[in-house]
Amino acid sequence: MSWSMLLPLLVVASSLVPGCLIFLLREDRVRTRSVLNLAGAVLKVVLVAAMVWGVSQGETFQLSYPLLPGISFGLNAAPFSLLFVTLSAVLWLFTTIYAMGYLKGSPQRSRFFGFFSLCVSATAGIALAANLLTFLIFYEMLTLTTYPLVVHRGTEQALRGGRIYLAYTVLGGAILLLAIAWLQTTAGTLEFVEGGFAGSLAAPQHAALRWIFALLVVGFGIKAALVPLHSWLPQAMVAPAPVSALLHAVAVVKAGAFGIVRVIYDVFGVEFCIELGVTQPLAIAAAITILYGSLRALFQDNLKRRLAFSTISQVSYIVLGAAVLGPTATIGGTVHLVHQGIMKITLFFAAGNLAETLGVQKVSEMDGVGWRMPGTMASFTIAALGMIGLPPMAGFISKWYLASGALEAGQTWVVGVLLASSALNALYFLPILYAAWFHPPRADWPKSADRGRFETRLTLLLPPMATAAATLLAGLFAQLPFSPLDWARFIVAREYPP
């Protein structure tokens, strides 16, 4: 097997193998478990970096193993795949460090970190999938490996949230299986192709293809939390903070949005989507989700639930960018895949710090918390301002390209949606920041954990500070080579050649 075939497999295996080994460890083997966690996370980043460099130099990394006539298991390092797998690899490293601190002294850590690693393996497989069947295999693996993480605490509330999550996502997988089987019998292939393959089918099959497109969007839309398929996500917030960060920034919701974008560009193709008339309804669904999520976030006192509804809104920016169908809007949606990830993971890291260190879980309990935990709240502030879309944060770059692209495509109503969403973002984030920095601190906190010389353990403090810095740097240096924006332009240039 050549290096170009082996490398995509190694990227998936770099977390799969440590995860399997961690399951075998006793709870008291803390050092061994930490070494396996960190070694796998660092190795994945190195392997992905090698792949990104190779692709930028014109190399091809592809693996294909035939399963049935016309059906294969395949991995392929396409440019869009690399954007997603890079995000998952880098944020997994930060989340691993954070989880090691967050779960210090907790029971069942071997089980947690075993499934944690398998979850990231599934996400890497989704990112590198060369066809819809491979995508489905890893997509279902993601469902099964995240369920134990959601129910990790074992409380009745956690078990209920897990049951709701499993019911929604298993249904989504069944719908996807139906759509993929139908597409295989109709088109005879499931391979992702730049520009799509469905457009080559005869006109009498177009009615069936519209239904297949709808089924694929519903199947992926459940994990992407499109309204009205979103209800599982707030319920899943009973999971520990590292899991919430993983669900919202790296794995589950991002996998759904990634799937929808691949259906538009690599299954149906932009021009054929326009011909079928399927993208305008999708854009409207994304716009409704953006506004609905922001409105619901306004009325949540529980901090993690407020962030959950914010995710429902923010992830649909990615779908909206693809559905508007224009190069500039697509750049905005594509780069938001990364920008939303680094901003959202920062917010969940900070929320976890507040809960773990001070017992603060509600917005109404955050008076003066910025002066008690300045590093945590400075990180939260940067990410929140980025979500609102203020320059020079990463979120501003995403929204600027989305709005500019909408105007180029003649979809001026999208600009109104973006402005309304930003206003709502401000309404549910700015009161938090004002209370944290300008209200007098509480005399006592619900909980007072041992913090050592700093505001909290360094393994909890450094990850959000690092991702907050990335939120700022991704905006300030957006024009540099290999920035998320530069890579998004490279991806879109292949979809919209001059």
Protein backbone atom coordinates (compact mmCIF):
# COMPACT_ATOMS: atom_id res chain seq x y z
CA MET A 1 0.00 0.00 0.00
CA SER A 2 1.46 3.36 -1.05
CA TRP A 3 1.85 6.40 1.22
CA SER A 4 -0.87 8.26 -0.71
CA MET A 5 -3.32 5.44 0.10
CA LEU A 6 -2.10 4.85 3.64
CA LEU A 7 -2.17 8.41 4.98
CA PRO A 8 -6.00 8.90 5.02
CA LEU A 9 -6.33 5.56 6.83
CA LEU A 10 -3.69 6.61 9.37
CA VAL A 11 -5.58 9.83 10.08
CA VAL A 12 -8.65 7.80 11.04
CA ALA A 13 -6.60 5.18 12.94
CA SER A 14 -4.64 7.77 14.96
CA SER A 15 -7.61 8.14 17.32
CA LEU A 16 -9.24 4.74 16.71
CA VAL A 17 -6.28 2.71 18.02
CA PRO A 18 -5.70 4.80 21.20
CA GLY A 19 -9.44 4.70 21.87
CA CYS A 20 -9.54 0.91 21.73
CA LEU A 21 -6.48 0.66 24.00
CA ILE A 22 -7.95 3.09 26.53
CA PHE A 23 -10.99 0.82 27.00
CA LEU A 24 -8.62 -1.84 28.36
CA LEU A 25 -7.08 0.37 31.04
CA ARG A 26 -8.00 0.31 34.72
CA GLU A 27 -9.28 3.57 36.18
CA ASP A 28 -6.09 4.10 38.19
CA ARG A 29 -3.86 4.08 35.06
CA VAL A 30 -4.11 7.84 34.77
CA ARG A 31 -0.66 8.47 33.27
CA THR A 32 -0.98 5.76 30.62
CA ARG A 33 -4.41 7.03 29.63
CA SER A 34 -3.13 10.60 29.40
CA VAL A 35 -0.18 9.54 27.23
CA LEU A 36 -2.49 7.62 24.86
CA ASN A 37 -4.92 10.54 24.66
CA LEU A 38 -2.28 13.16 23.95
CA ALA A 39 -0.17 10.97 21.66
CA GLY A 40 -3.20 10.17 19.49
CA ALA A 41 -4.30 13.81 19.37
CA VAL A 42 -0.84 15.15 18.50
CA LEU A 43 -0.24 12.40 15.92
CA LYS A 44 -3.54 13.22 14.20
CA VAL A 45 -2.59 16.91 13.93
CA VAL A 46 0.81 15.97 12.45
CA LEU A 47 -0.71 13.56 9.93
CA VAL A 48 -3.37 16.05 8.87
CA ALA A 49 -0.73 18.78 8.49
CA ALA A 50 1.26 16.47 6.21
CA MET A 51 -1.85 15.82 4.17
CA VAL A 52 -2.70 19.52 3.87
CA TRP A 53 0.83 20.31 2.72
CA GLY A 54 0.80 17.48 0.21
CA VAL A 55 -2.53 18.54 -1.31
CA SER A 56 -1.32 22.14 -1.54
CA GLN A 57 1.62 20.81 -3.58
CA GLY A 58 -0.65 18.87 -5.93
CA GLU A 59 -0.45 15.41 -4.31
CA THR A 60 -3.48 13.10 -4.15
CA PHE A 61 -4.34 11.00 -1.09
CA GLN A 62 -6.97 8.41 -1.86
CA LEU A 63 -7.92 4.90 -0.72
CA SER A 64 -10.59 2.70 -2.31
CA TYR A 65 -11.60 -0.84 -1.36
CA PRO A 66 -14.37 -2.53 -3.39
CA LEU A 67 -17.22 -4.02 -1.36
CA LEU A 68 -19.83 -4.84 -4.02
CA PRO A 69 -20.11 -4.14 -7.76
CA GLY A 70 -20.29 -0.36 -8.06
CA ILE A 71 -19.95 0.13 -4.27
CA SER A 72 -16.68 0.73 -2.42
CA PHE A 73 -15.28 1.90 0.89
CA GLY A 74 -13.26 4.97 0.05
CA LEU A 75 -11.30 7.80 1.68
CA ASN A 76 -10.18 10.87 -0.22
CA ALA A 77 -8.39 14.04 0.93
CA ALA A 78 -10.39 16.55 -1.13
CA PRO A 79 -9.84 20.24 -0.22
CA PHE A 80 -13.21 20.58 1.56
CA SER A 81 -12.54 17.32 3.41
CA LEU A 82 -9.22 18.71 4.60
CA LEU A 83 -10.85 21.84 6.00
CA PHE A 84 -13.18 19.73 8.15
CA VAL A 85 -10.62 17.13 9.21
CA THR A 86 -8.13 19.88 10.15
CA LEU A 87 -10.76 21.55 12.31
CA SER A 88 -11.62 18.27 14.04
CA ALA A 89 -7.95 17.32 14.60
CA VAL A 90 -6.89 20.67 16.08
CA LEU A 91 -9.97 21.12 18.26
CA TRP A 92 -9.78 17.50 19.42
CA LEU A 93 -6.30 18.23 20.80
CA PHE A 94 -7.60 21.21 22.79
CA THR A 95 -10.69 19.29 23.92
CA THR A 96 -8.57 16.34 25.06
CA ILE A 97 -6.44 18.60 27.26
CA TYR A 98 -9.59 20.26 28.59
CA ALA A 99 -11.37 16.95 29.26
CA MET A 100 -8.38 15.59 31.17
CA GLY A 101 -8.67 18.52 33.57
CA TYR A 102 -12.45 18.60 33.67
CA LEU A 103 -12.82 14.89 34.50
CA LYS A 104 -9.92 14.73 36.99
CA GLY A 105 -10.99 12.35 39.74
CA SER A 106 -14.26 11.41 38.02
CA PRO A 107 -15.36 7.77 37.67
CA GLN A 108 -15.45 5.83 34.37
CA ARG A 109 -12.74 7.88 32.70
CA SER A 110 -11.47 4.97 30.61
CA ARG A 111 -14.94 4.45 29.19
CA PHE A 112 -15.32 8.18 28.55
CA PHE A 113 -12.00 8.68 26.78
CA GLY A 114 -12.40 5.45 24.81
CA PHE A 115 -15.67 6.60 23.28
CA PHE A 116 -14.29 10.13 23.03
CA SER A 117 -11.49 8.90 20.76
CA LEU A 118 -13.83 6.72 18.69
CA CYS A 119 -16.09 9.73 18.19
CA VAL A 120 -13.23 11.73 16.71
CA SER A 121 -12.28 8.76 14.49
CA ALA A 122 -15.83 8.76 13.14
CA THR A 123 -15.63 12.51 12.49
CA ALA A 124 -12.34 12.09 10.60
CA GLY A 125 -13.92 9.29 8.55
CA ILE A 126 -16.88 11.53 7.70
CA ALA A 127 -14.54 14.31 6.62
CA LEU A 128 -12.45 12.05 4.38
CA ALA A 129 -15.29 9.89 2.98
CA ALA A 130 -15.00 9.51 -0.79
CA ASN A 131 -18.60 8.44 -1.31
CA LEU A 132 -21.99 8.43 0.38
CA LEU A 133 -21.73 4.84 1.62
CA THR A 134 -18.46 5.50 3.46
CA PHE A 135 -20.00 8.70 4.78
CA LEU A 136 -22.99 6.75 6.12
CA ILE A 137 -20.78 4.14 7.81
CA PHE A 138 -18.88 6.77 9.78
CA TYR A 139 -22.02 8.86 10.29
CA GLU A 140 -23.68 5.95 12.10
CA MET A 141 -20.48 5.24 13.99
CA LEU A 142 -20.63 8.84 15.19
CA THR A 143 -24.18 8.31 16.47
CA LEU A 144 -23.25 5.19 18.40
CA THR A 145 -20.04 6.58 19.91
CA THR A 146 -21.50 9.89 21.06
CA TYR A 147 -24.49 8.32 22.84
CA PRO A 148 -22.35 6.95 25.74
CA LEU A 149 -20.79 10.40 26.09
CA VAL A 150 -24.18 12.13 26.32
CA VAL A 151 -25.36 9.71 29.05
CA HIS A 152 -21.97 9.58 30.80
CA ARG A 153 -23.19 10.96 34.13
CA GLY A 154 -25.87 8.27 34.34
CA THR A 155 -28.54 10.51 35.88
CA GLU A 156 -32.18 10.22 34.87
CA GLN A 157 -31.90 13.55 33.07
CA ALA A 158 -28.81 12.35 31.20
CA LEU A 159 -30.48 9.06 30.22
CA ARG A 160 -33.56 10.93 28.99
CA GLY A 161 -31.41 13.31 26.93
CA GLY A 162 -29.55 10.32 25.52
CA ARG A 163 -32.77 8.54 24.53
CA ILE A 164 -34.01 11.63 22.70
CA TYR A 165 -30.65 12.08 20.98
CA LEU A 166 -30.56 8.44 19.92
CA ALA A 167 -34.16 8.45 18.65
CA TYR A 168 -33.55 11.48 16.44
CA THR A 169 -30.17 10.42 15.08
CA VAL A 170 -31.10 6.79 14.42
CA LEU A 171 -34.16 8.02 12.51
CA GLY A 172 -31.88 10.33 10.53
CA GLY A 173 -29.59 7.43 9.70
CA ALA A 174 -32.53 5.32 8.50
CA ILE A 175 -33.71 8.14 6.24
CA LEU A 176 -30.19 8.52 4.87
CA LEU A 177 -29.95 4.80 4.16
CA LEU A 178 -33.22 4.95 2.21
CA ALA A 179 -32.03 7.97 0.20
CA ILE A 180 -28.62 6.44 -0.52
CA ALA A 181 -30.10 3.12 -1.66
CA TRP A 182 -32.57 4.97 -3.89
CA LEU A 183 -29.78 7.10 -5.34
CA GLN A 184 -27.62 4.03 -6.04
CA THR A 185 -30.40 2.31 -7.96
CA THR A 186 -31.18 5.54 -9.85
CA ALA A 187 -27.68 6.78 -10.67
CA GLY A 188 -25.58 3.63 -10.34
CA THR A 189 -22.89 5.41 -8.29
CA LEU A 190 -22.40 7.04 -4.90
CA GLU A 191 -18.93 8.56 -5.46
CA PHE A 192 -18.42 12.22 -4.61
CA VAL A 193 -17.48 14.12 -7.76
CA GLU A 194 -16.62 17.81 -8.11
CA GLY A 195 -19.64 19.32 -9.81
CA GLY A 196 -21.82 16.31 -8.89
CA PHE A 197 -22.98 13.33 -10.90
CA ALA A 198 -26.77 13.49 -10.62
CA GLY A 199 -27.04 16.12 -13.37
CA SER A 200 -26.06 13.57 -16.00
CA LEU A 201 -29.27 11.58 -15.45
CA ALA A 202 -32.17 11.79 -17.89
CA ALA A 203 -35.06 14.22 -17.39
CA PRO A 204 -37.64 11.53 -16.44
CA GLN A 205 -35.56 10.80 -13.33
CA HIS A 206 -35.56 14.39 -12.09
CA ALA A 207 -38.74 13.98 -10.02
CA ALA A 208 -37.16 11.06 -8.15
CA LEU A 209 -33.98 13.08 -7.67
CA ARG A 210 -35.93 15.90 -6.00
CA TRP A 211 -37.28 13.40 -3.47
CA ILE A 212 -33.81 11.93 -2.95
CA PHE A 213 -32.41 15.42 -2.35
CA ALA A 214 -35.15 16.10 0.21
CA LEU A 215 -34.48 12.81 2.02
CA LEU A 216 -30.75 13.48 2.12
CA VAL A 217 -31.32 16.97 3.55
CA VAL A 218 -33.68 15.61 6.21
CA GLY A 219 -31.25 12.82 7.13
CA PHE A 220 -28.35 15.22 7.47
CA GLY A 221 -30.57 18.02 8.77
CA ILE A 222 -31.35 16.10 11.96
CA LYS A 223 -27.72 16.20 13.07
CA ALA A 224 -27.37 19.75 11.70
CA ALA A 225 -30.36 20.68 13.95
CA LEU A 226 -32.39 22.34 11.20
CA VAL A 227 -35.81 23.43 12.44
CA PRO A 228 -38.03 21.44 13.12
CA LEU A 229 -35.47 18.62 13.48
CA HIS A 230 -33.53 20.34 16.27
CA SER A 231 -35.18 19.31 19.55
CA TRP A 232 -32.54 16.72 20.50
CA LEU A 233 -29.77 19.30 20.77
CA PRO A 234 -30.89 21.29 23.85
CA GLN A 235 -31.74 17.99 25.57
CA ALA A 236 -28.19 16.72 24.96
CA MET A 237 -26.78 19.59 27.05
CA VAL A 238 -26.92 17.33 30.11
CA ALA A 239 -23.60 15.91 28.86
CA PRO A 240 -20.31 17.02 30.46
CA ALA A 241 -18.85 20.25 29.07
CA PRO A 242 -16.15 18.55 26.92
CA VAL A 243 -18.89 16.51 25.24
CA SER A 244 -21.02 19.61 24.65
CA ALA A 245 -17.99 21.29 23.09
CA LEU A 246 -17.42 18.25 20.89
CA LEU A 247 -21.08 18.02 19.82
CA HIS A 248 -21.36 21.69 18.91
CA ALA A 249 -17.97 22.62 17.51
CA VAL A 250 -16.38 19.51 16.05
CA ALA A 251 -18.55 16.48 15.54
CA VAL A 252 -22.29 15.98 15.40
CA VAL A 253 -23.93 19.21 14.23
CA LYS A 254 -20.94 20.02 12.03
CA ALA A 255 -21.15 16.56 10.41
CA GLY A 256 -24.77 17.23 9.45
CA ALA A 257 -24.00 20.62 7.89
CA PHE A 258 -20.94 19.16 6.14
CA GLY A 259 -23.14 16.41 4.68
CA ILE A 260 -25.65 18.88 3.28
CA VAL A 261 -22.90 20.90 1.60
CA ARG A 262 -21.40 17.77 0.05
CA VAL A 263 -24.80 16.76 -1.31
CA ILE A 264 -25.16 20.15 -3.01
CA TYR A 265 -21.66 20.31 -4.50
CA ASP A 266 -20.44 16.73 -4.90
CA VAL A 267 -23.64 14.75 -5.52
CA PHE A 268 -26.07 17.05 -7.32
CA GLY A 269 -23.86 19.94 -8.41
CA VAL A 270 -24.62 23.64 -8.29
CA GLU A 271 -26.12 24.00 -11.77
CA PHE A 272 -28.31 20.92 -11.42
CA CYS A 273 -29.57 22.11 -8.01
CA ILE A 274 -30.66 25.34 -9.67
CA GLU A 275 -32.37 23.37 -12.44
CA LEU A 276 -34.24 21.21 -9.91
CA GLY A 277 -35.22 24.25 -7.85
CA VAL A 278 -34.22 22.63 -4.55
CA THR A 279 -31.89 25.21 -3.04
CA GLN A 280 -34.35 28.05 -2.45
CA PRO A 281 -36.49 25.97 -0.05
CA LEU A 282 -33.28 24.90 1.70
CA ALA A 283 -32.15 28.52 2.03
CA ILE A 284 -35.51 29.43 3.55
CA ALA A 285 -35.28 26.51 6.00
CA ALA A 286 -31.78 27.65 7.00
CA ALA A 287 -32.98 31.25 7.47
CA ILE A 288 -35.88 30.11 9.66
CA THR A 289 -33.48 28.04 11.74
CA ILE A 290 -31.09 30.99 12.13
CA LEU A 291 -33.82 33.29 13.44
CA TYR A 292 -35.62 30.65 15.52
CA GLY A 293 -32.45 29.53 17.30
CA SER A 294 -31.52 33.12 18.14
CA LEU A 295 -35.01 33.92 19.43
CA ARG A 296 -35.09 30.84 21.66
CA ALA A 297 -31.62 31.62 23.00
CA LEU A 298 -32.93 34.96 24.32
CA PHE A 299 -35.16 33.26 26.88
CA GLN A 300 -32.74 30.63 28.26
CA ASP A 301 -31.35 31.25 31.74
CA ASN A 302 -29.31 28.05 31.73
CA LEU A 303 -26.03 29.06 30.08
CA LYS A 304 -25.44 25.81 28.19
CA ARG A 305 -29.00 25.80 26.83
CA ARG A 306 -28.54 29.37 25.65
CA LEU A 307 -25.38 28.27 23.85
CA ALA A 308 -27.22 25.24 22.44
CA PHE A 309 -29.88 27.38 20.79
CA SER A 310 -27.11 29.67 19.57
CA THR A 311 -25.56 26.63 17.87
CA ILE A 312 -28.85 25.78 16.19
CA SER A 313 -28.76 29.27 14.70
CA GLN A 314 -25.06 29.52 13.86
CA VAL A 315 -24.61 26.15 12.14
CA SER A 316 -27.31 27.04 9.64
CA TYR A 317 -25.09 29.85 8.36
CA ILE A 318 -23.07 27.07 6.71
CA VAL A 319 -26.17 25.64 5.05
CA LEU A 320 -27.37 29.10 4.03
CA GLY A 321 -24.05 29.90 2.38
CA ALA A 322 -24.24 26.75 0.26
CA ALA A 323 -27.93 27.21 -0.59
CA VAL A 324 -27.55 30.80 -1.81
CA LEU A 325 -25.43 29.39 -4.68
CA GLY A 326 -22.75 31.93 -5.44
CA PRO A 327 -18.97 31.88 -4.98
CA THR A 328 -18.78 34.64 -2.36
CA ALA A 329 -21.65 33.31 -0.24
CA THR A 330 -20.19 29.82 -0.46
CA ILE A 331 -16.86 31.14 0.82
CA GLY A 332 -18.71 32.65 3.78
CA GLY A 333 -20.56 29.43 4.58
CA THR A 334 -17.45 27.29 4.10
CA VAL A 335 -15.19 29.40 6.30
CA HIS A 336 -17.91 29.53 8.95
CA LEU A 337 -17.44 25.78 9.33
CA VAL A 338 -14.11 26.66 10.97
CA HIS A 339 -14.99 30.01 12.53
CA GLN A 340 -18.14 28.72 14.25
CA GLY A 341 -16.12 25.78 15.56
CA ILE A 342 -13.40 27.81 17.26
CA MET A 343 -15.87 30.37 18.64
CA LYS A 344 -18.37 27.83 19.92
CA ILE A 345 -15.80 25.57 21.54
CA THR A 346 -14.43 28.60 23.38
CA LEU A 347 -17.88 29.41 24.74
CA PHE A 348 -18.48 25.86 25.95
CA PHE A 349 -15.01 25.61 27.50
CA ALA A 350 -15.74 28.82 29.40
CA ALA A 351 -19.20 27.62 30.47
CA GLY A 352 -17.63 24.39 31.72
CA ASN A 353 -15.05 26.34 33.72
CA LEU A 354 -17.74 28.40 35.41
CA ALA A 355 -19.75 25.30 36.32
CA GLU A 356 -16.75 23.22 37.44
CA THR A 357 -14.99 25.96 39.44
CA LEU A 358 -17.80 28.11 40.84
CA GLY A 359 -20.94 26.04 40.28
CA VAL A 360 -22.30 28.81 38.01
CA GLN A 361 -24.66 27.32 35.44
CA LYS A 362 -27.19 30.11 34.91
CA VAL A 363 -26.93 33.51 33.28
CA SER A 364 -28.59 35.00 36.37
CA GLU A 365 -25.68 33.76 38.52
CA MET A 366 -22.92 35.48 36.52
CA ASP A 367 -22.81 38.87 38.25
CA GLY A 368 -19.19 39.95 38.60
CA VAL A 369 -17.81 36.61 37.50
CA GLY A 370 -15.37 38.33 35.14
CA TRP A 371 -13.37 39.62 38.08
CA ARG A 372 -13.27 36.21 39.74
CA MET A 373 -12.33 34.34 36.53
CA PRO A 374 -10.84 36.97 34.20
CA GLY A 375 -9.08 34.58 31.80
CA THR A 376 -12.18 32.47 31.33
CA MET A 377 -14.49 35.43 30.84
CA ALA A 378 -12.05 37.28 28.56
CA SER A 379 -12.09 34.17 26.34
CA PHE A 380 -15.89 34.03 26.53
CA THR A 381 -16.09 37.73 25.64
CA ILE A 382 -13.93 37.40 22.52
CA ALA A 383 -15.94 34.41 21.28
CA ALA A 384 -19.28 36.09 22.04
CA LEU A 385 -18.29 39.23 20.15
CA GLY A 386 -17.22 36.99 17.28
CA MET A 387 -20.61 35.31 17.26
CA ILE A 388 -22.28 38.72 17.08
CA GLY A 389 -20.07 39.47 14.08
CA LEU A 390 -18.02 42.41 15.34
CA PRO A 391 -14.71 43.09 13.58
CA PRO A 392 -11.97 41.99 13.72
CA MET A 393 -13.25 38.63 15.03
CA ALA A 394 -13.60 35.52 12.88
CA GLY A 395 -17.40 35.74 12.87
CA PHE A 396 -17.26 39.10 11.10
CA ILE A 397 -15.40 37.52 8.17
CA SER A 398 -18.06 34.82 7.77
CA LYS A 399 -20.98 37.24 7.90
CA TRP A 400 -19.32 39.74 5.55
CA TYR A 401 -18.85 37.12 2.85
CA LEU A 402 -22.34 35.71 3.37
CA ALA A 403 -23.92 39.15 3.03
CA SER A 404 -21.77 40.15 0.05
CA GLY A 405 -22.52 36.85 -1.67
CA ALA A 406 -26.24 37.23 -1.08
CA LEU A 407 -26.18 40.66 -2.73
CA GLU A 408 -24.18 39.28 -5.68
CA ALA A 409 -26.76 36.50 -6.11
CA GLY A 410 -29.67 38.94 -5.91
CA GLN A 411 -30.87 37.40 -2.63
CA THR A 412 -31.17 40.64 -0.68
CA TRP A 413 -33.55 39.08 1.86
CA VAL A 414 -30.58 37.06 3.18
CA VAL A 415 -28.90 40.29 4.29
CA GLY A 416 -31.98 41.08 6.38
CA VAL A 417 -31.77 37.65 8.00
CA LEU A 418 -28.08 38.17 8.81
CA LEU A 419 -28.71 41.62 10.31
CA ALA A 420 -31.62 40.34 12.39
CA SER A 421 -29.57 37.39 13.56
CA SER A 422 -26.65 39.60 14.57
CA ALA A 423 -29.00 41.87 16.50
CA LEU A 424 -30.45 38.87 18.32
CA ASN A 425 -26.93 37.55 18.99
CA ALA A 426 -26.15 40.86 20.65
CA LEU A 427 -29.33 40.73 22.71
CA TYR A 428 -28.52 37.33 24.23
CA PHE A 429 -24.73 37.76 24.60
CA LEU A 430 -24.22 41.39 25.66
CA PRO A 431 -26.30 41.12 28.89
CA ILE A 432 -24.05 38.22 29.92
CA LEU A 433 -20.92 40.29 29.29
CA TYR A 434 -22.36 43.32 31.06
CA ALA A 435 -23.31 41.30 34.15
CA ALA A 436 -19.94 39.53 34.22
CA TRP A 437 -17.82 42.68 33.97
CA PHE A 438 -19.94 45.56 35.33
CA HIS A 439 -22.13 44.06 38.08
CA PRO A 440 -20.60 43.74 41.54
CA PRO A 441 -19.30 40.24 42.31
CA ARG A 442 -21.34 37.90 44.45
CA ALA A 443 -20.37 37.49 48.10
CA ASP A 444 -20.32 33.74 47.64
CA TRP A 445 -20.58 31.29 44.77
CA PRO A 446 -22.62 28.06 44.56
CA LYS A 447 -19.35 26.12 44.58
CA SER A 448 -15.74 26.88 45.38
CA ALA A 449 -13.36 24.35 43.86
CA ASP A 450 -9.63 24.18 44.53
CA ARG A 451 -8.02 26.41 41.91
CA GLY A 452 -4.34 26.46 42.91
CA ARG A 453 -2.48 29.65 41.99
CA PHE A 454 -4.80 30.52 39.09
CA GLU A 455 -8.52 31.10 38.68
CA THR A 456 -8.96 27.41 37.86
CA ARG A 457 -6.82 24.43 36.82
CA LEU A 458 -4.49 25.24 33.93
CA THR A 459 -5.84 22.33 31.90
CA LEU A 460 -9.22 24.09 32.05
CA LEU A 461 -7.93 27.62 31.55
CA LEU A 462 -5.45 27.28 28.68
CA PRO A 463 -7.73 25.64 26.05
CA PRO A 464 -10.36 28.43 25.98
CA MET A 465 -7.65 31.08 25.98
CA ALA A 466 -5.97 29.37 23.01
CA THR A 467 -9.19 29.03 21.00
CA ALA A 468 -10.19 32.61 21.87
CA ALA A 469 -6.83 33.75 20.50
CA ALA A 470 -7.55 31.72 17.35
CA THR A 471 -10.92 33.50 17.04
CA LEU A 472 -9.12 36.84 17.02
CA LEU A 473 -6.23 35.75 14.80
CA ALA A 474 -8.53 34.14 12.21
CA GLY A 475 -10.12 37.55 11.74
CA LEU A 476 -7.00 39.72 11.92
CA PHE A 477 -4.95 37.55 9.56
CA ALA A 478 -7.74 36.24 7.34
CA GLN A 479 -5.87 37.23 4.17
CA LEU A 480 -2.72 35.23 4.91
CA PRO A 481 -1.92 31.99 3.03
CA PHE A 482 -3.33 28.84 4.63
CA SER A 483 -5.78 30.83 6.78
CA PRO A 484 -9.28 29.34 6.97
CA LEU A 485 -10.49 32.05 4.58
CA ASP A 486 -7.66 31.35 2.12
CA TRP A 487 -8.45 27.63 2.14
CA ALA A 488 -12.18 28.33 1.71
CA ARG A 489 -11.37 30.43 -1.37
CA PHE A 490 -9.27 27.57 -2.74
CA ILE A 491 -12.17 25.14 -2.24
CA VAL A 492 -14.77 27.39 -3.82
CA ALA A 493 -12.52 28.22 -6.79
CA ARG A 494 -12.77 24.54 -7.74
CA GLU A 495 -16.57 24.66 -7.58
CA TYR A 496 -16.86 27.97 -9.43
CA PRO A 497 -13.97 28.01 -11.93
CA PRO A 498 -13.43 31.36 -13.71
